[in-house]
Amino acid sequence: MPRVRVLREASEEAEAAAAWYETERRGLGTDFIDAVNAGLYLIEEGIVPLSPMPGHAGSKGARRLILRRFPFDIVVVESAQEIIVVAFAHHSRKPGYWRNRVKP
């Protein structure tokens, strides 16, 4: 089974989102990180199928898992050796900003 690797930029996105949620309500940032970790577990274990990203990103192999409770996708690119998390993308902010992280 391929291992999961999170790009630095993606990790920073998750940390920034968690910090923002924590300012909105105490404990919500922790809930966000818990949702991220649960999503990463599902991806790593192959428990749920990943949906192709729409448009050009999907044609380059980008797939996603939609987080429960939070408006974020875990965006990944898969290879035989690993699954690379390229973004924790908010559903309505800067669509496609992460596309340059996906290698053809």
PDB file of N, CA and C in Angstrom:
ATOM      1  N   MET A   1       0.846  -1.185   0.000  1.00  0.00           N
ATOM      2  CA  MET A   1       0.000   0.000   0.000  1.00  0.00           C
ATOM      3  C   MET A   1       0.891   1.248   0.000  1.00  0.00           C
ATOM      4  N   PRO A   2       0.592   2.218  -0.854  1.00  0.00           N
ATOM      5  CA  PRO A   2       1.421   3.431  -0.908  1.00  0.00           C
ATOM      6  C   PRO A   2       1.350   4.230   0.391  1.00  0.00           C
ATOM      7  N   ARG A   3       2.435   4.875   0.721  1.00  0.00           N
ATOM      8  CA  ARG A   3       2.451   5.725   1.918  1.00  0.00           C
ATOM      9  C   ARG A   3       1.958   7.117   1.549  1.00  0.00           C
ATOM     10  N   VAL A   4       1.514   7.859   2.560  1.00  0.00           N
ATOM     11  CA  VAL A   4       1.032   9.223   2.344  1.00  0.00           C
ATOM     12  C   VAL A   4       2.127  10.204   2.733  1.00  0.00           C
ATOM     13  N   ARG A   5       2.387  11.159   1.831  1.00  0.00           N
ATOM     14  CA  ARG A   5       3.348  12.228   2.112  1.00  0.00           C
ATOM     15  C   ARG A   5       2.622  13.555   1.918  1.00  0.00           C
ATOM     16  N   VAL A   6       2.759  14.447   2.886  1.00  0.00           N
ATOM     17  CA  VAL A   6       2.098  15.751   2.832  1.00  0.00           C
ATOM     18  C   VAL A   6       3.131  16.807   2.456  1.00  0.00           C
ATOM     19  N   LEU A   7       2.867  17.537   1.376  1.00  0.00           N
ATOM     20  CA  LEU A   7       3.766  18.627   0.994  1.00  0.00           C
ATOM     21  C   LEU A   7       3.783  19.701   2.077  1.00  0.00           C
ATOM     22  N   ARG A   8       4.918  20.355   2.219  1.00  0.00           N
ATOM     23  CA  ARG A   8       5.070  21.412   3.222  1.00  0.00           C
ATOM     24  C   ARG A   8       3.989  22.476   3.070  1.00  0.00           C
ATOM     25  N   GLU A   9       3.726  22.891   1.835  1.00  0.00           N
ATOM     26  CA  GLU A   9       2.714  23.923   1.602  1.00  0.00           C
ATOM     27  C   GLU A   9       1.338  23.473   2.091  1.00  0.00           C
ATOM     28  N   ALA A  10       1.025  22.214   1.868  1.00  0.00           N
ATOM     29  CA  ALA A  10      -0.263  21.681   2.310  1.00  0.00           C
ATOM     30  C   ALA A  10      -0.331  21.637   3.834  1.00  0.00           C
ATOM     31  N   SER A  11       0.749  21.213   4.457  1.00  0.00           N
ATOM     32  CA  SER A  11       0.795  21.180   5.919  1.00  0.00           C
ATOM     33  C   SER A  11       0.589  22.571   6.507  1.00  0.00           C
ATOM     34  N   GLU A  12       1.225  23.558   5.898  1.00  0.00           N
ATOM     35  CA  GLU A  12       1.063  24.943   6.362  1.00  0.00           C
ATOM     36  C   GLU A  12      -0.375  25.420   6.198  1.00  0.00           C
ATOM     37  N   GLU A  13      -1.035  24.992   5.119  1.00  0.00           N
ATOM     38  CA  GLU A  13      -2.446  25.351   4.920  1.00  0.00           C
ATOM     39  C   GLU A  13      -3.319  24.785   6.032  1.00  0.00           C
ATOM     40  N   ALA A  14      -3.095  23.526   6.368  1.00  0.00           N
ATOM     41  CA  ALA A  14      -3.888  22.895   7.424  1.00  0.00           C
ATOM     42  C   ALA A  14      -3.656  23.590   8.761  1.00  0.00           C
ATOM     43  N   GLU A  15      -2.404  23.922   9.051  1.00  0.00           N
ATOM     44  CA  GLU A  15      -2.093  24.610  10.306  1.00  0.00           C
ATOM     45  C   GLU A  15      -2.749  25.984  10.361  1.00  0.00           C
ATOM     46  N   ALA A  16      -2.722  26.717   9.250  1.00  0.00           N
ATOM     47  CA  ALA A  16      -3.340  28.047   9.202  1.00  0.00           C
ATOM     48  C   ALA A  16      -4.853  27.949   9.376  1.00  0.00           C
ATOM     49  N   ALA A  17      -5.466  26.967   8.735  1.00  0.00           N
ATOM     50  CA  ALA A  17      -6.916  26.787   8.873  1.00  0.00           C
ATOM     51  C   ALA A  17      -7.273  26.421  10.307  1.00  0.00           C
ATOM     52  N   ALA A  18      -6.488  25.545  10.917  1.00  0.00           N
ATOM     53  CA  ALA A  18      -6.748  25.160  12.308  1.00  0.00           C
ATOM     54  C   ALA A  18      -6.632  26.364  13.232  1.00  0.00           C
ATOM     55  N   ALA A  19      -5.630  27.199  13.008  1.00  0.00           N
ATOM     56  CA  ALA A  19      -5.457  28.402  13.833  1.00  0.00           C
ATOM     57  C   ALA A  19      -6.654  29.332  13.677  1.00  0.00           C
ATOM     58  N   TRP A  20      -7.139  29.492  12.446  1.00  0.00           N
ATOM     59  CA  TRP A  20      -8.303  30.349  12.218  1.00  0.00           C
ATOM     60  C   TRP A  20      -9.534  29.783  12.922  1.00  0.00           C
ATOM     61  N   TYR A  21      -9.769  28.485  12.770  1.00  0.00           N
ATOM     62  CA  TYR A  21     -10.924  27.865  13.431  1.00  0.00           C
ATOM     63  C   TYR A  21     -10.832  28.012  14.948  1.00  0.00           C
ATOM     64  N   GLU A  22      -9.630  27.922  15.474  1.00  0.00           N
ATOM     65  CA  GLU A  22      -9.453  28.054  16.930  1.00  0.00           C
ATOM     66  C   GLU A  22      -9.829  29.453  17.395  1.00  0.00           C
ATOM     67  N   THR A  23      -9.574  30.475  16.559  1.00  0.00           N
ATOM     68  CA  THR A  23      -9.969  31.837  16.943  1.00  0.00           C
ATOM     69  C   THR A  23     -11.481  32.013  16.887  1.00  0.00           C
ATOM     70  N   GLU A  24     -12.137  31.212  16.066  1.00  0.00           N
ATOM     71  CA  GLU A  24     -13.598  31.289  15.966  1.00  0.00           C
ATOM     72  C   GLU A  24     -14.280  30.658  17.174  1.00  0.00           C
ATOM     73  N   ARG A  25     -13.749  29.541  17.622  1.00  0.00           N
ATOM     74  CA  ARG A  25     -14.287  28.871  18.800  1.00  0.00           C
ATOM     75  C   ARG A  25     -13.225  27.948  19.389  1.00  0.00           C
ATOM     76  N   ARG A  26     -13.023  28.059  20.667  1.00  0.00           N
ATOM     77  CA  ARG A  26     -12.024  27.226  21.340  1.00  0.00           C
ATOM     78  C   ARG A  26     -12.329  25.747  21.098  1.00  0.00           C
ATOM     79  N   GLY A  27     -11.306  25.022  20.670  1.00  0.00           N
ATOM     80  CA  GLY A  27     -11.438  23.597  20.405  1.00  0.00           C
ATOM     81  C   GLY A  27     -11.777  23.261  18.961  1.00  0.00           C
ATOM     82  N   LEU A  28     -12.252  24.250  18.197  1.00  0.00           N
ATOM     83  CA  LEU A  28     -12.630  23.990  16.810  1.00  0.00           C
ATOM     84  C   LEU A  28     -11.400  23.723  15.940  1.00  0.00           C
ATOM     85  N   GLY A  29     -10.283  24.365  16.267  1.00  0.00           N
ATOM     86  CA  GLY A  29      -9.041  24.094  15.542  1.00  0.00           C
ATOM     87  C   GLY A  29      -8.594  22.653  15.730  1.00  0.00           C
ATOM     88  N   THR A  30      -8.726  22.164  16.953  1.00  0.00           N
ATOM     89  CA  THR A  30      -8.396  20.766  17.236  1.00  0.00           C
ATOM     90  C   THR A  30      -9.340  19.836  16.484  1.00  0.00           C
ATOM     91  N   ASP A  31     -10.621  20.203  16.439  1.00  0.00           N
ATOM     92  CA  ASP A  31     -11.587  19.402  15.684  1.00  0.00           C
ATOM     93  C   ASP A  31     -11.208  19.344  14.207  1.00  0.00           C
ATOM     94  N   PHE A  32     -10.735  20.468  13.669  1.00  0.00           N
ATOM     95  CA  PHE A  32     -10.319  20.494  12.269  1.00  0.00           C
ATOM     96  C   PHE A  32      -9.136  19.551  12.044  1.00  0.00           C
ATOM     97  N   ILE A  33      -8.130  19.635  12.901  1.00  0.00           N
ATOM     98  CA  ILE A  33      -6.962  18.752  12.766  1.00  0.00           C
ATOM     99  C   ILE A  33      -7.378  17.294  12.909  1.00  0.00           C
ATOM    100  N   ASP A  34      -8.312  17.008  13.816  1.00  0.00           N
ATOM    101  CA  ASP A  34      -8.820  15.637  13.949  1.00  0.00           C
ATOM    102  C   ASP A  34      -9.480  15.169  12.651  1.00  0.00           C
ATOM    103  N   ALA A  35     -10.253  16.057  12.009  1.00  0.00           N
ATOM    104  CA  ALA A  35     -10.899  15.714  10.736  1.00  0.00           C
ATOM    105  C   ALA A  35      -9.856  15.476   9.646  1.00  0.00           C
ATOM    106  N   VAL A  36      -8.815  16.300   9.629  1.00  0.00           N
ATOM    107  CA  VAL A  36      -7.719  16.123   8.664  1.00  0.00           C
ATOM    108  C   VAL A  36      -7.045  14.771   8.887  1.00  0.00           C
ATOM    109  N   ASN A  37      -6.708  14.469  10.135  1.00  0.00           N
ATOM    110  CA  ASN A  37      -6.040  13.200  10.439  1.00  0.00           C
ATOM    111  C   ASN A  37      -6.919  11.999  10.095  1.00  0.00           C
ATOM    112  N   ALA A  38      -8.223  12.111  10.358  1.00  0.00           N
ATOM    113  CA  ALA A  38      -9.147  11.032   9.998  1.00  0.00           C
ATOM    114  C   ALA A  38      -9.176  10.853   8.481  1.00  0.00           C
ATOM    115  N   GLY A  39      -9.192  11.959   7.748  1.00  0.00           N
ATOM    116  CA  GLY A  39      -9.172  11.888   6.291  1.00  0.00           C
ATOM    117  C   GLY A  39      -7.896  11.257   5.768  1.00  0.00           C
ATOM    118  N   LEU A  40      -6.769  11.643   6.350  1.00  0.00           N
ATOM    119  CA  LEU A  40      -5.491  11.064   5.928  1.00  0.00           C
ATOM    120  C   LEU A  40      -5.453   9.561   6.197  1.00  0.00           C
ATOM    121  N   TYR A  41      -6.025   9.145   7.313  1.00  0.00           N
ATOM    122  CA  TYR A  41      -6.097   7.714   7.634  1.00  0.00           C
ATOM    123  C   TYR A  41      -6.929   6.975   6.582  1.00  0.00           C
ATOM    124  N   LEU A  42      -8.093   7.536   6.243  1.00  0.00           N
ATOM    125  CA  LEU A  42      -8.946   6.908   5.229  1.00  0.00           C
ATOM    126  C   LEU A  42      -8.217   6.779   3.897  1.00  0.00           C
ATOM    127  N   ILE A  43      -7.462   7.807   3.541  1.00  0.00           N
ATOM    128  CA  ILE A  43      -6.699   7.781   2.288  1.00  0.00           C
ATOM    129  C   ILE A  43      -5.601   6.730   2.359  1.00  0.00           C
ATOM    130  N   GLU A  44      -4.833   6.758   3.437  1.00  0.00           N
ATOM    131  CA  GLU A  44      -3.694   5.839   3.567  1.00  0.00           C
ATOM    132  C   GLU A  44      -4.135   4.377   3.563  1.00  0.00           C
ATOM    133  N   GLU A  45      -5.252   4.104   4.215  1.00  0.00           N
ATOM    134  CA  GLU A  45      -5.730   2.725   4.307  1.00  0.00           C
ATOM    135  C   GLU A  45      -6.576   2.311   3.101  1.00  0.00           C
ATOM    136  N   GLY A  46      -6.870   3.253   2.220  1.00  0.00           N
ATOM    137  CA  GLY A  46      -7.677   2.938   1.047  1.00  0.00           C
ATOM    138  C   GLY A  46      -9.109   2.571   1.395  1.00  0.00           C
ATOM    139  N   ILE A  47      -9.613   3.126   2.492  1.00  0.00           N
ATOM    140  CA  ILE A  47     -10.943   2.774   2.991  1.00  0.00           C
ATOM    141  C   ILE A  47     -12.051   3.350   2.118  1.00  0.00           C
ATOM    142  N   VAL A  48     -11.850   4.537   1.601  1.00  0.00           N
ATOM    143  CA  VAL A  48     -12.866   5.162   0.743  1.00  0.00           C
ATOM    144  C   VAL A  48     -12.229   5.524  -0.600  1.00  0.00           C
ATOM    145  N   PRO A  49     -13.006   5.446  -1.664  1.00  0.00           N
ATOM    146  CA  PRO A  49     -12.455   5.855  -2.962  1.00  0.00           C
ATOM    147  C   PRO A  49     -12.333   7.375  -3.035  1.00  0.00           C
ATOM    148  N   LEU A  50     -11.305   7.830  -3.709  1.00  0.00           N
ATOM    149  CA  LEU A  50     -11.103   9.265  -3.903  1.00  0.00           C
ATOM    150  C   LEU A  50     -11.787   9.697  -5.193  1.00  0.00           C
ATOM    151  N   SER A  51     -12.362  10.878  -5.166  1.00  0.00           N
ATOM    152  CA  SER A  51     -13.052  11.417  -6.342  1.00  0.00           C
ATOM    153  C   SER A  51     -12.069  12.196  -7.204  1.00  0.00           C
ATOM    154  N   PRO A  52     -12.170  12.071  -8.524  1.00  0.00           N
ATOM    155  CA  PRO A  52     -11.313  12.883  -9.390  1.00  0.00           C
ATOM    156  C   PRO A  52     -11.655  14.366  -9.236  1.00  0.00           C
ATOM    157  N   MET A  53     -10.648  15.211  -9.284  1.00  0.00           N
ATOM    158  CA  MET A  53     -10.882  16.651  -9.294  1.00  0.00           C
ATOM    159  C   MET A  53     -11.473  17.015 -10.643  1.00  0.00           C
ATOM    160  N   PRO A  54     -12.333  18.007 -10.681  1.00  0.00           N
ATOM    161  CA  PRO A  54     -12.906  18.408 -11.967  1.00  0.00           C
ATOM    162  C   PRO A  54     -11.882  19.117 -12.851  1.00  0.00           C
ATOM    163  N   GLY A  55     -12.138  19.104 -14.146  1.00  0.00           N
ATOM    164  CA  GLY A  55     -11.349  19.882 -15.090  1.00  0.00           C
ATOM    165  C   GLY A  55      -9.939  19.379 -15.309  1.00  0.00           C
ATOM    166  N   HIS A  56      -9.059  20.333 -15.608  1.00  0.00           N
ATOM    167  CA  HIS A  56      -7.671  20.041 -15.971  1.00  0.00           C
ATOM    168  C   HIS A  56      -6.926  19.316 -14.856  1.00  0.00           C
ATOM    169  N   ALA A  57      -7.155  19.705 -13.613  1.00  0.00           N
ATOM    170  CA  ALA A  57      -6.458  19.060 -12.491  1.00  0.00           C
ATOM    171  C   ALA A  57      -6.786  17.572 -12.443  1.00  0.00           C
ATOM    172  N   GLY A  58      -8.040  17.230 -12.684  1.00  0.00           N
ATOM    173  CA  GLY A  58      -8.427  15.827 -12.705  1.00  0.00           C
ATOM    174  C   GLY A  58      -7.757  15.063 -13.829  1.00  0.00           C
ATOM    175  N   SER A  59      -7.595  15.714 -14.960  1.00  0.00           N
ATOM    176  CA  SER A  59      -6.927  15.055 -16.084  1.00  0.00           C
ATOM    177  C   SER A  59      -5.439  14.839 -15.808  1.00  0.00           C
ATOM    178  N   LYS A  60      -4.877  15.609 -14.870  1.00  0.00           N
ATOM    179  CA  LYS A  60      -3.473  15.427 -14.481  1.00  0.00           C
ATOM    180  C   LYS A  60      -3.335  14.430 -13.332  1.00  0.00           C
ATOM    181  N   GLY A  61      -4.469  13.846 -12.899  1.00  0.00           N
ATOM    182  CA  GLY A  61      -4.418  12.804 -11.878  1.00  0.00           C
ATOM    183  C   GLY A  61      -4.758  13.249 -10.471  1.00  0.00           C
ATOM    184  N   ALA A  62      -5.134  14.498 -10.285  1.00  0.00           N
ATOM    185  CA  ALA A  62      -5.488  14.970  -8.943  1.00  0.00           C
ATOM    186  C   ALA A  62      -6.830  14.378  -8.521  1.00  0.00           C
ATOM    187  N   ARG A  63      -6.873  13.923  -7.275  1.00  0.00           N
ATOM    188  CA  ARG A  63      -8.085  13.343  -6.704  1.00  0.00           C
ATOM    189  C   ARG A  63      -8.322  13.996  -5.353  1.00  0.00           C
ATOM    190  N   ARG A  64      -9.510  13.795  -4.797  1.00  0.00           N
ATOM    191  CA  ARG A  64      -9.809  14.469  -3.539  1.00  0.00           C
ATOM    192  C   ARG A  64     -10.674  13.627  -2.618  1.00  0.00           C
ATOM    193  N   LEU A  65     -10.547  13.969  -1.344  1.00  0.00           N
ATOM    194  CA  LEU A  65     -11.435  13.470  -0.297  1.00  0.00           C
ATOM    195  C   LEU A  65     -12.035  14.705   0.356  1.00  0.00           C
ATOM    196  N   ILE A  66     -13.349  14.766   0.406  1.00  0.00           N
ATOM    197  CA  ILE A  66     -14.025  15.900   1.031  1.00  0.00           C
ATOM    198  C   ILE A  66     -14.106  15.638   2.529  1.00  0.00           C
ATOM    199  N   LEU A  67     -13.617  16.606   3.315  1.00  0.00           N
ATOM    200  CA  LEU A  67     -13.659  16.450   4.770  1.00  0.00           C
ATOM    201  C   LEU A  67     -15.093  16.543   5.276  1.00  0.00           C
ATOM    202  N   ARG A  68     -15.376  15.786   6.299  1.00  0.00           N
ATOM    203  CA  ARG A  68     -16.657  15.914   6.986  1.00  0.00           C
ATOM    204  C   ARG A  68     -16.600  17.142   7.879  1.00  0.00           C
ATOM    205  N   ARG A  69     -17.694  17.847   7.953  1.00  0.00           N
ATOM    206  CA  ARG A  69     -17.899  18.970   8.861  1.00  0.00           C
ATOM    207  C   ARG A  69     -17.207  20.257   8.450  1.00  0.00           C
ATOM    208  N   PHE A  70     -16.189  20.191   7.642  1.00  0.00           N
ATOM    209  CA  PHE A  70     -15.437  21.384   7.254  1.00  0.00           C
ATOM    210  C   PHE A  70     -15.428  21.504   5.728  1.00  0.00           C
ATOM    211  N   PRO A  71     -15.472  22.727   5.200  1.00  0.00           N
ATOM    212  CA  PRO A  71     -15.532  22.915   3.744  1.00  0.00           C
ATOM    213  C   PRO A  71     -14.154  22.839   3.080  1.00  0.00           C
ATOM    214  N   PHE A  72     -13.507  21.706   3.230  1.00  0.00           N
ATOM    215  CA  PHE A  72     -12.162  21.505   2.698  1.00  0.00           C
ATOM    216  C   PHE A  72     -12.075  20.174   1.970  1.00  0.00           C
ATOM    217  N   ASP A  73     -11.229  20.138   0.945  1.00  0.00           N
ATOM    218  CA  ASP A  73     -10.840  18.904   0.268  1.00  0.00           C
ATOM    219  C   ASP A  73      -9.404  18.591   0.645  1.00  0.00           C
ATOM    220  N   ILE A  74      -9.109  17.313   0.799  1.00  0.00           N
ATOM    221  CA  ILE A  74      -7.719  16.871   0.825  1.00  0.00           C
ATOM    222  C   ILE A  74      -7.416  16.491  -0.620  1.00  0.00           C
ATOM    223  N   VAL A  75      -6.535  17.249  -1.260  1.00  0.00           N
ATOM    224  CA  VAL A  75      -6.223  17.043  -2.680  1.00  0.00           C
ATOM    225  C   VAL A  75      -4.931  16.237  -2.773  1.00  0.00           C
ATOM    226  N   VAL A  76      -4.987  15.126  -3.515  1.00  0.00           N
ATOM    227  CA  VAL A  76      -3.837  14.232  -3.615  1.00  0.00           C
ATOM    228  C   VAL A  76      -3.529  13.881  -5.063  1.00  0.00           C
ATOM    229  N   VAL A  77      -2.296  13.438  -5.260  1.00  0.00           N
ATOM    230  CA  VAL A  77      -1.854  12.825  -6.510  1.00  0.00           C
ATOM    231  C   VAL A  77      -1.257  11.480  -6.119  1.00  0.00           C
ATOM    232  N   GLU A  78      -1.671  10.431  -6.800  1.00  0.00           N
ATOM    233  CA  GLU A  78      -1.228   9.082  -6.456  1.00  0.00           C
ATOM    234  C   GLU A  78      -0.196   8.557  -7.445  1.00  0.00           C
ATOM    235  N   SER A  79       0.753   7.788  -6.903  1.00  0.00           N
ATOM    236  CA  SER A  79       1.673   7.019  -7.734  1.00  0.00           C
ATOM    237  C   SER A  79       1.734   5.624  -7.123  1.00  0.00           C
ATOM    238  N   ALA A  80       2.500   4.744  -7.724  1.00  0.00           N
ATOM    239  CA  ALA A  80       2.612   3.387  -7.192  1.00  0.00           C
ATOM    240  C   ALA A  80       3.292   3.372  -5.826  1.00  0.00           C
ATOM    241  N   GLN A  81       4.210   4.321  -5.597  1.00  0.00           N
ATOM    242  CA  GLN A  81       4.990   4.333  -4.369  1.00  0.00           C
ATOM    243  C   GLN A  81       4.374   5.163  -3.245  1.00  0.00           C
ATOM    244  N   GLU A  82       3.656   6.227  -3.599  1.00  0.00           N
ATOM    245  CA  GLU A  82       3.149   7.115  -2.558  1.00  0.00           C
ATOM    246  C   GLU A  82       1.922   7.892  -3.017  1.00  0.00           C
ATOM    247  N   ILE A  83       1.244   8.428  -2.033  1.00  0.00           N
ATOM    248  CA  ILE A  83       0.124   9.335  -2.254  1.00  0.00           C
ATOM    249  C   ILE A  83       0.583  10.680  -1.715  1.00  0.00           C
ATOM    250  N   ILE A  84       0.633  11.681  -2.574  1.00  0.00           N
ATOM    251  CA  ILE A  84       1.139  12.993  -2.178  1.00  0.00           C
ATOM    252  C   ILE A  84      -0.039  13.932  -1.949  1.00  0.00           C
ATOM    253  N   VAL A  85      -0.129  14.473  -0.733  1.00  0.00           N
ATOM    254  CA  VAL A  85      -1.143  15.478  -0.427  1.00  0.00           C
ATOM    255  C   VAL A  85      -0.588  16.816  -0.899  1.00  0.00           C
ATOM    256  N   VAL A  86      -1.235  17.392  -1.910  1.00  0.00           N
ATOM    257  CA  VAL A  86      -0.746  18.646  -2.478  1.00  0.00           C
ATOM    258  C   VAL A  86      -1.448  19.860  -1.896  1.00  0.00           C
ATOM    259  N   ALA A  87      -2.630  19.663  -1.281  1.00  0.00           N
ATOM    260  CA  ALA A  87      -3.348  20.814  -0.715  1.00  0.00           C
ATOM    261  C   ALA A  87      -4.443  20.360   0.240  1.00  0.00           C
ATOM    262  N   PHE A  88      -4.730  21.231   1.181  1.00  0.00           N
ATOM    263  CA  PHE A  88      -5.952  21.182   1.976  1.00  0.00           C
ATOM    264  C   PHE A  88      -6.717  22.409   1.504  1.00  0.00           C
ATOM    265  N   ALA A  89      -7.562  22.215   0.502  1.00  0.00           N
ATOM    266  CA  ALA A  89      -8.159  23.324  -0.237  1.00  0.00           C
ATOM    267  C   ALA A  89      -9.570  23.636   0.253  1.00  0.00           C
ATOM    268  N   HIS A  90      -9.785  24.897   0.630  1.00  0.00           N
ATOM    269  CA  HIS A  90     -11.118  25.366   1.014  1.00  0.00           C
ATOM    270  C   HIS A  90     -12.007  25.370  -0.224  1.00  0.00           C
ATOM    271  N   HIS A  91     -13.260  25.020  -0.053  1.00  0.00           N
ATOM    272  CA  HIS A  91     -14.172  24.889  -1.190  1.00  0.00           C
ATOM    273  C   HIS A  91     -14.441  26.189  -1.933  1.00  0.00           C
ATOM    274  N   SER A  92     -14.317  27.330  -1.259  1.00  0.00           N
ATOM    275  CA  SER A  92     -14.683  28.574  -1.950  1.00  0.00           C
ATOM    276  C   SER A  92     -13.588  29.631  -1.981  1.00  0.00           C
ATOM    277  N   ARG A  93     -12.375  29.265  -1.634  1.00  0.00           N
ATOM    278  CA  ARG A  93     -11.278  30.237  -1.672  1.00  0.00           C
ATOM    279  C   ARG A  93     -10.266  29.860  -2.743  1.00  0.00           C
ATOM    280  N   LYS A  94      -9.935  30.803  -3.578  1.00  0.00           N
ATOM    281  CA  LYS A  94      -8.891  30.637  -4.597  1.00  0.00           C
ATOM    282  C   LYS A  94      -8.952  29.278  -5.302  1.00  0.00           C
ATOM    283  N   PRO A  95     -10.001  28.992  -6.028  1.00  0.00           N
ATOM    284  CA  PRO A  95     -10.081  27.689  -6.698  1.00  0.00           C
ATOM    285  C   PRO A  95      -8.851  27.422  -7.566  1.00  0.00           C
ATOM    286  N   GLY A  96      -8.307  26.230  -7.434  1.00  0.00           N
ATOM    287  CA  GLY A  96      -7.209  25.801  -8.282  1.00  0.00           C
ATOM    288  C   GLY A  96      -5.844  26.386  -7.994  1.00  0.00           C
ATOM    289  N   TYR A  97      -5.691  27.145  -6.917  1.00  0.00           N
ATOM    290  CA  TYR A  97      -4.399  27.780  -6.608  1.00  0.00           C
ATOM    291  C   TYR A  97      -3.269  26.764  -6.492  1.00  0.00           C
ATOM    292  N   TRP A  98      -3.581  25.544  -6.146  1.00  0.00           N
ATOM    293  CA  TRP A  98      -2.588  24.508  -5.863  1.00  0.00           C
ATOM    294  C   TRP A  98      -2.163  23.743  -7.123  1.00  0.00           C
ATOM    295  N   ARG A  99      -2.754  24.041  -8.273  1.00  0.00           N
ATOM    296  CA  ARG A  99      -2.516  23.241  -9.486  1.00  0.00           C
ATOM    297  C   ARG A  99      -1.049  23.149  -9.889  1.00  0.00           C
ATOM    298  N   ASN A 100      -0.269  24.189  -9.600  1.00  0.00           N
ATOM    299  CA  ASN A 100       1.155  24.135  -9.973  1.00  0.00           C
ATOM    300  C   ASN A 100       1.928  23.129  -9.119  1.00  0.00           C
ATOM    301  N   ARG A 101       1.320  22.611  -8.073  1.00  0.00           N
ATOM    302  CA  ARG A 101       1.969  21.594  -7.236  1.00  0.00           C
ATOM    303  C   ARG A 101       1.806  20.194  -7.820  1.00  0.00           C
ATOM    304  N   VAL A 102       0.904  20.037  -8.778  1.00  0.00           N
ATOM    305  CA  VAL A 102       0.638  18.740  -9.397  1.00  0.00           C
ATOM    306  C   VAL A 102       1.548  18.581 -10.598  1.00  0.00           C
ATOM    307  N   LYS A 103       2.402  17.594 -10.539  1.00  0.00           N
ATOM    308  CA  LYS A 103       3.319  17.326 -11.653  1.00  0.00           C
ATOM    309  C   LYS A 103       2.629  16.402 -12.651  1.00  0.00           C
ATOM    310  N   PRO A 104       2.823  16.638 -13.950  1.00  0.00           N
ATOM    311  CA  PRO A 104       2.170  15.782 -14.962  1.00  0.00           C
ATOM    312  C   PRO A 104       2.678  14.353 -14.918  1.00  0.00           C
TER     313      PRO A 104
END
